[in-house]
Amino acid sequence: MIEILDDFFRNARGRKVVATEFLLLGLKVDGKGKVYAGRIEIPPAKIARALGVDRRVVIDTAKAIASDDKLLHIFYRLEPRAFMGNSAKELGFDTIEIRADPKRKGVVAAVTKVLSDESIVIRQIVSDDPDLFPDPVLTIIIDGKLNAEVIKKLKELKFANAITVK
């Protein structure tokens, strides 16, 4: 996806920054160039202030996206999601963060197999897109707390560069 934005906004660095942020946050752009978080319209001035750009850059970015069929079809379907990783502890859940080669196959399968074999319920799985995040993390929120035996089994998996339990 980043390659598409690089190509489309190759002569407009500020617009690429804004479009990338829309993508990261799951902000939707409609056919009129309006920006939404879910069903809530977000004023361009608020986005501009948060990103440190002029509001016209935000408006122009959204209109450029709306005018391109391919980008509109992508951005119109984006949705923000609640990420529980940073508040899991307060909810009584443990969080497993795994750093591994993002191109490696079977990482999610291997981890979920260990958890499934131990009858652990998964509440949420979020995998960072390696094209959008320089240090992608696979985050798994589980119902309850992990015991030492499960942590040991997870750490025995050969693919992981690092496994952190919070």
C-alpha atoms as a PDB file:
ATOM      1  CA  MET A   1       0.000   0.000   0.000  1.00  0.00           C
ATOM      2  CA  ILE A   2       2.848   2.377   0.776  1.00  0.00           C
ATOM      3  CA  GLU A   3       4.110   1.923  -2.785  1.00  0.00           C
ATOM      4  CA  ILE A   4       0.722   3.064  -4.099  1.00  0.00           C
ATOM      5  CA  LEU A   5       0.846   6.180  -1.902  1.00  0.00           C
ATOM      6  CA  ASP A   6       4.497   6.817  -2.851  1.00  0.00           C
ATOM      7  CA  ASP A   7       3.571   6.711  -6.510  1.00  0.00           C
ATOM      8  CA  PHE A   8       0.362   8.738  -6.240  1.00  0.00           C
ATOM      9  CA  PHE A   9       1.839  11.449  -3.989  1.00  0.00           C
ATOM     10  CA  ARG A  10       5.413  11.383  -5.371  1.00  0.00           C
ATOM     11  CA  ASN A  11       5.463  15.176  -5.845  1.00  0.00           C
ATOM     12  CA  ALA A  12       3.504  16.030  -2.704  1.00  0.00           C
ATOM     13  CA  ARG A  13       5.349  14.906   0.450  1.00  0.00           C
ATOM     14  CA  GLY A  14       2.860  16.567   2.820  1.00  0.00           C
ATOM     15  CA  ARG A  15      -0.086  14.823   1.200  1.00  0.00           C
ATOM     16  CA  LYS A  16       1.700  11.478   1.438  1.00  0.00           C
ATOM     17  CA  VAL A  17       2.224  12.063   5.175  1.00  0.00           C
ATOM     18  CA  VAL A  18      -1.479  12.855   5.604  1.00  0.00           C
ATOM     19  CA  ALA A  19      -2.632   9.872   3.503  1.00  0.00           C
ATOM     20  CA  THR A  20      -0.324   7.540   5.428  1.00  0.00           C
ATOM     21  CA  GLU A  21      -1.781   8.772   8.713  1.00  0.00           C
ATOM     22  CA  PHE A  22      -5.310   8.170   7.385  1.00  0.00           C
ATOM     23  CA  LEU A  23      -4.240   4.623   6.594  1.00  0.00           C
ATOM     24  CA  LEU A  24      -2.576   4.022   9.976  1.00  0.00           C
ATOM     25  CA  LEU A  25      -5.618   5.294  11.870  1.00  0.00           C
ATOM     26  CA  GLY A  26      -8.216   3.671   9.627  1.00  0.00           C
ATOM     27  CA  LEU A  27      -9.702   7.036   8.652  1.00  0.00           C
ATOM     28  CA  LYS A  28     -12.236   6.764   5.863  1.00  0.00           C
ATOM     29  CA  VAL A  29     -12.408   9.178   2.929  1.00  0.00           C
ATOM     30  CA  ASP A  30     -15.731   9.451   1.090  1.00  0.00           C
ATOM     31  CA  GLY A  31     -16.454  10.427  -2.507  1.00  0.00           C
ATOM     32  CA  LYS A  32     -16.758  14.104  -1.551  1.00  0.00           C
ATOM     33  CA  GLY A  33     -13.351  14.187   0.129  1.00  0.00           C
ATOM     34  CA  LYS A  34     -14.705  14.204   3.679  1.00  0.00           C
ATOM     35  CA  VAL A  35     -12.730  12.328   6.356  1.00  0.00           C
ATOM     36  CA  TYR A  36     -14.367  10.071   8.944  1.00  0.00           C
ATOM     37  CA  ALA A  37     -13.469   7.955  11.946  1.00  0.00           C
ATOM     38  CA  GLY A  38     -16.250   5.418  11.614  1.00  0.00           C
ATOM     39  CA  ARG A  39     -19.376   7.552  11.131  1.00  0.00           C
ATOM     40  CA  ILE A  40     -17.883  10.634  12.795  1.00  0.00           C
ATOM     41  CA  GLU A  41     -16.666  13.332  10.421  1.00  0.00           C
ATOM     42  CA  ILE A  42     -13.256  14.711  11.408  1.00  0.00           C
ATOM     43  CA  PRO A  43     -12.668  18.413  10.637  1.00  0.00           C
ATOM     44  CA  PRO A  44      -9.592  18.967   8.423  1.00  0.00           C
ATOM     45  CA  ALA A  45      -8.297  21.682  10.770  1.00  0.00           C
ATOM     46  CA  LYS A  46      -8.129  19.199  13.667  1.00  0.00           C
ATOM     47  CA  ILE A  47      -6.238  16.664  11.560  1.00  0.00           C
ATOM     48  CA  ALA A  48      -3.890  19.378  10.279  1.00  0.00           C
ATOM     49  CA  ARG A  49      -3.112  20.592  13.791  1.00  0.00           C
ATOM     50  CA  ALA A  50      -2.347  17.056  14.977  1.00  0.00           C
ATOM     51  CA  LEU A  51      -0.046  16.399  12.011  1.00  0.00           C
ATOM     52  CA  GLY A  52       1.597  19.802  11.922  1.00  0.00           C
ATOM     53  CA  VAL A  53       0.458  20.647   8.406  1.00  0.00           C
ATOM     54  CA  ASP A  54      -1.764  23.325   6.891  1.00  0.00           C
ATOM     55  CA  ARG A  55      -5.456  22.370   6.785  1.00  0.00           C
ATOM     56  CA  ARG A  56      -5.411  22.853   3.004  1.00  0.00           C
ATOM     57  CA  VAL A  57      -2.965  19.952   2.753  1.00  0.00           C
ATOM     58  CA  VAL A  58      -5.505  17.744   4.531  1.00  0.00           C
ATOM     59  CA  ILE A  59      -8.363  18.969   2.332  1.00  0.00           C
ATOM     60  CA  ASP A  60      -6.316  18.528  -0.858  1.00  0.00           C
ATOM     61  CA  THR A  61      -5.200  15.046   0.216  1.00  0.00           C
ATOM     62  CA  ALA A  62      -8.764  13.906   0.889  1.00  0.00           C
ATOM     63  CA  LYS A  63      -9.977  15.366  -2.413  1.00  0.00           C
ATOM     64  CA  ALA A  64      -7.101  13.715  -4.306  1.00  0.00           C
ATOM     65  CA  ILE A  65      -8.008  10.374  -2.746  1.00  0.00           C
ATOM     66  CA  ALA A  66     -11.697  10.916  -3.603  1.00  0.00           C
ATOM     67  CA  SER A  67     -10.824  11.708  -7.230  1.00  0.00           C
ATOM     68  CA  ASP A  68      -8.863   8.484  -7.796  1.00  0.00           C
ATOM     69  CA  ASP A  69     -11.018   5.352  -8.145  1.00  0.00           C
ATOM     70  CA  LYS A  70      -8.378   2.965  -6.830  1.00  0.00           C
ATOM     71  CA  LEU A  71      -7.519   5.060  -3.755  1.00  0.00           C
ATOM     72  CA  LEU A  72     -11.168   5.867  -3.066  1.00  0.00           C
ATOM     73  CA  HIS A  73     -12.069   2.161  -3.075  1.00  0.00           C
ATOM     74  CA  ILE A  74      -9.306   1.544  -0.533  1.00  0.00           C
ATOM     75  CA  PHE A  75      -9.846   4.542   1.748  1.00  0.00           C
ATOM     76  CA  TYR A  76     -13.659   4.389   1.648  1.00  0.00           C
ATOM     77  CA  ARG A  77     -13.517   0.936   3.226  1.00  0.00           C
ATOM     78  CA  LEU A  78     -11.107   1.734   6.070  1.00  0.00           C
ATOM     79  CA  GLU A  79     -12.343   1.375   9.645  1.00  0.00           C
ATOM     80  CA  PRO A  80     -10.773   2.330  12.966  1.00  0.00           C
ATOM     81  CA  ARG A  81     -10.576  -0.487  15.501  1.00  0.00           C
ATOM     82  CA  ALA A  82     -10.274  -0.548  19.267  1.00  0.00           C
ATOM     83  CA  PHE A  83      -6.794  -1.802  20.146  1.00  0.00           C
ATOM     84  CA  MET A  84      -6.777  -3.203  23.689  1.00  0.00           C
ATOM     85  CA  GLY A  85      -3.020  -3.800  23.892  1.00  0.00           C
ATOM     86  CA  ASN A  86      -2.268  -0.775  26.037  1.00  0.00           C
ATOM     87  CA  SER A  87      -5.240  -1.215  28.372  1.00  0.00           C
ATOM     88  CA  ALA A  88      -5.378  -5.007  28.618  1.00  0.00           C
ATOM     89  CA  LYS A  89      -3.856  -5.122  32.108  1.00  0.00           C
ATOM     90  CA  GLU A  90      -6.649  -2.893  33.471  1.00  0.00           C
ATOM     91  CA  LEU A  91      -9.183  -5.273  31.912  1.00  0.00           C
ATOM     92  CA  GLY A  92      -7.578  -8.311  33.547  1.00  0.00           C
ATOM     93  CA  PHE A  93      -5.994  -9.630  30.332  1.00  0.00           C
ATOM     94  CA  ASP A  94      -2.408 -10.500  29.494  1.00  0.00           C
ATOM     95  CA  THR A  95      -0.774  -9.197  26.331  1.00  0.00           C
ATOM     96  CA  ILE A  96       1.766 -11.156  24.301  1.00  0.00           C
ATOM     97  CA  GLU A  97       3.970  -9.105  21.982  1.00  0.00           C
ATOM     98  CA  ILE A  98       5.988 -10.999  19.402  1.00  0.00           C
ATOM     99  CA  ARG A  99       8.712  -9.574  17.211  1.00  0.00           C
ATOM    100  CA  ALA A 100       9.627 -11.896  14.351  1.00  0.00           C
ATOM    101  CA  ASP A 101      10.456 -11.771  10.686  1.00  0.00           C
ATOM    102  CA  PRO A 102       7.212 -10.357   9.231  1.00  0.00           C
ATOM    103  CA  LYS A 103       7.706 -12.323   6.000  1.00  0.00           C
ATOM    104  CA  ARG A 104       7.904 -15.654   7.819  1.00  0.00           C
ATOM    105  CA  LYS A 105       4.926 -17.953   7.360  1.00  0.00           C
ATOM    106  CA  GLY A 106       3.168 -19.706  10.227  1.00  0.00           C
ATOM    107  CA  VAL A 107       3.947 -17.306  13.091  1.00  0.00           C
ATOM    108  CA  VAL A 108       0.300 -16.720  14.024  1.00  0.00           C
ATOM    109  CA  ALA A 109      -0.513 -20.409  13.547  1.00  0.00           C
ATOM    110  CA  ALA A 110       2.315 -21.533  15.826  1.00  0.00           C
ATOM    111  CA  VAL A 111       1.412 -19.119  18.619  1.00  0.00           C
ATOM    112  CA  THR A 112      -2.318 -19.763  18.445  1.00  0.00           C
ATOM    113  CA  LYS A 113      -1.663 -23.525  18.478  1.00  0.00           C
ATOM    114  CA  VAL A 114       0.253 -23.226  21.766  1.00  0.00           C
ATOM    115  CA  LEU A 115      -2.542 -21.111  23.236  1.00  0.00           C
ATOM    116  CA  SER A 116      -5.281 -23.395  21.906  1.00  0.00           C
ATOM    117  CA  ASP A 117      -3.556 -26.514  23.240  1.00  0.00           C
ATOM    118  CA  GLU A 118      -3.620 -24.859  26.669  1.00  0.00           C
ATOM    119  CA  SER A 119      -7.329 -23.886  26.276  1.00  0.00           C
ATOM    120  CA  ILE A 120      -6.488 -20.179  26.404  1.00  0.00           C
ATOM    121  CA  VAL A 121      -9.087 -17.845  24.922  1.00  0.00           C
ATOM    122  CA  ILE A 122      -7.801 -15.161  22.567  1.00  0.00           C
ATOM    123  CA  ARG A 123      -9.607 -11.830  22.831  1.00  0.00           C
ATOM    124  CA  GLN A 124      -7.758  -9.960  20.089  1.00  0.00           C
ATOM    125  CA  ILE A 125      -4.927 -10.392  17.591  1.00  0.00           C
ATOM    126  CA  VAL A 126      -3.357  -7.376  15.881  1.00  0.00           C
ATOM    127  CA  SER A 127      -0.496  -7.693  13.437  1.00  0.00           C
ATOM    128  CA  ASP A 128       1.313  -4.534  12.355  1.00  0.00           C
ATOM    129  CA  ASP A 129       1.749  -4.183   8.605  1.00  0.00           C
ATOM    130  CA  PRO A 130       5.513  -4.306   7.959  1.00  0.00           C
ATOM    131  CA  ASP A 131       5.145  -1.751   5.145  1.00  0.00           C
ATOM    132  CA  LEU A 132       3.591   0.774   7.551  1.00  0.00           C
ATOM    133  CA  PHE A 133       5.485   0.034  10.762  1.00  0.00           C
ATOM    134  CA  PRO A 134       9.303  -0.103  10.822  1.00  0.00           C
ATOM    135  CA  ASP A 135       9.292  -2.483  13.820  1.00  0.00           C
ATOM    136  CA  PRO A 136       6.147  -4.604  13.307  1.00  0.00           C
ATOM    137  CA  VAL A 137       4.707  -6.385  16.308  1.00  0.00           C
ATOM    138  CA  LEU A 138       2.213  -9.226  16.543  1.00  0.00           C
ATOM    139  CA  THR A 139       0.063  -8.462  19.590  1.00  0.00           C
ATOM    140  CA  ILE A 140      -2.192 -11.087  21.124  1.00  0.00           C
ATOM    141  CA  ILE A 141      -4.544 -10.252  23.988  1.00  0.00           C
ATOM    142  CA  ILE A 142      -5.661 -13.295  25.950  1.00  0.00           C
ATOM    143  CA  ASP A 143      -8.498 -13.751  28.383  1.00  0.00           C
ATOM    144  CA  GLY A 144      -6.901 -13.899  31.821  1.00  0.00           C
ATOM    145  CA  LYS A 145      -3.278 -14.506  32.759  1.00  0.00           C
ATOM    146  CA  LEU A 146      -0.599 -16.733  31.238  1.00  0.00           C
ATOM    147  CA  ASN A 147       1.095 -19.262  33.469  1.00  0.00           C
ATOM    148  CA  ALA A 148       4.836 -19.897  33.463  1.00  0.00           C
ATOM    149  CA  GLU A 149       4.518 -23.148  31.486  1.00  0.00           C
ATOM    150  CA  VAL A 150       2.738 -21.446  28.577  1.00  0.00           C
ATOM    151  CA  ILE A 151       5.259 -18.601  28.568  1.00  0.00           C
ATOM    152  CA  LYS A 152       8.052 -21.193  28.404  1.00  0.00           C
ATOM    153  CA  LYS A 153       6.380 -22.946  25.441  1.00  0.00           C
ATOM    154  CA  LEU A 154       5.972 -19.636  23.616  1.00  0.00           C
ATOM    155  CA  LYS A 155       9.610 -18.717  24.188  1.00  0.00           C
ATOM    156  CA  GLU A 156      10.674 -22.109  22.781  1.00  0.00           C
ATOM    157  CA  LEU A 157       9.194 -21.207  19.387  1.00  0.00           C
ATOM    158  CA  LYS A 158      12.179 -20.780  17.076  1.00  0.00           C
ATOM    159  CA  PHE A 159      10.897 -17.953  14.839  1.00  0.00           C
ATOM    160  CA  ALA A 160      10.617 -15.215  17.451  1.00  0.00           C
ATOM    161  CA  ASN A 161      13.250 -12.524  17.833  1.00  0.00           C
ATOM    162  CA  ALA A 162      11.534 -11.438  21.066  1.00  0.00           C
ATOM    163  CA  ILE A 163       8.438 -12.397  23.025  1.00  0.00           C
ATOM    164  CA  THR A 164       7.192 -10.086  25.768  1.00  0.00           C
ATOM    165  CA  VAL A 165       4.309 -10.795  28.119  1.00  0.00           C
ATOM    166  CA  LYS A 166       2.667  -7.809  29.770  1.00  0.00           C
END
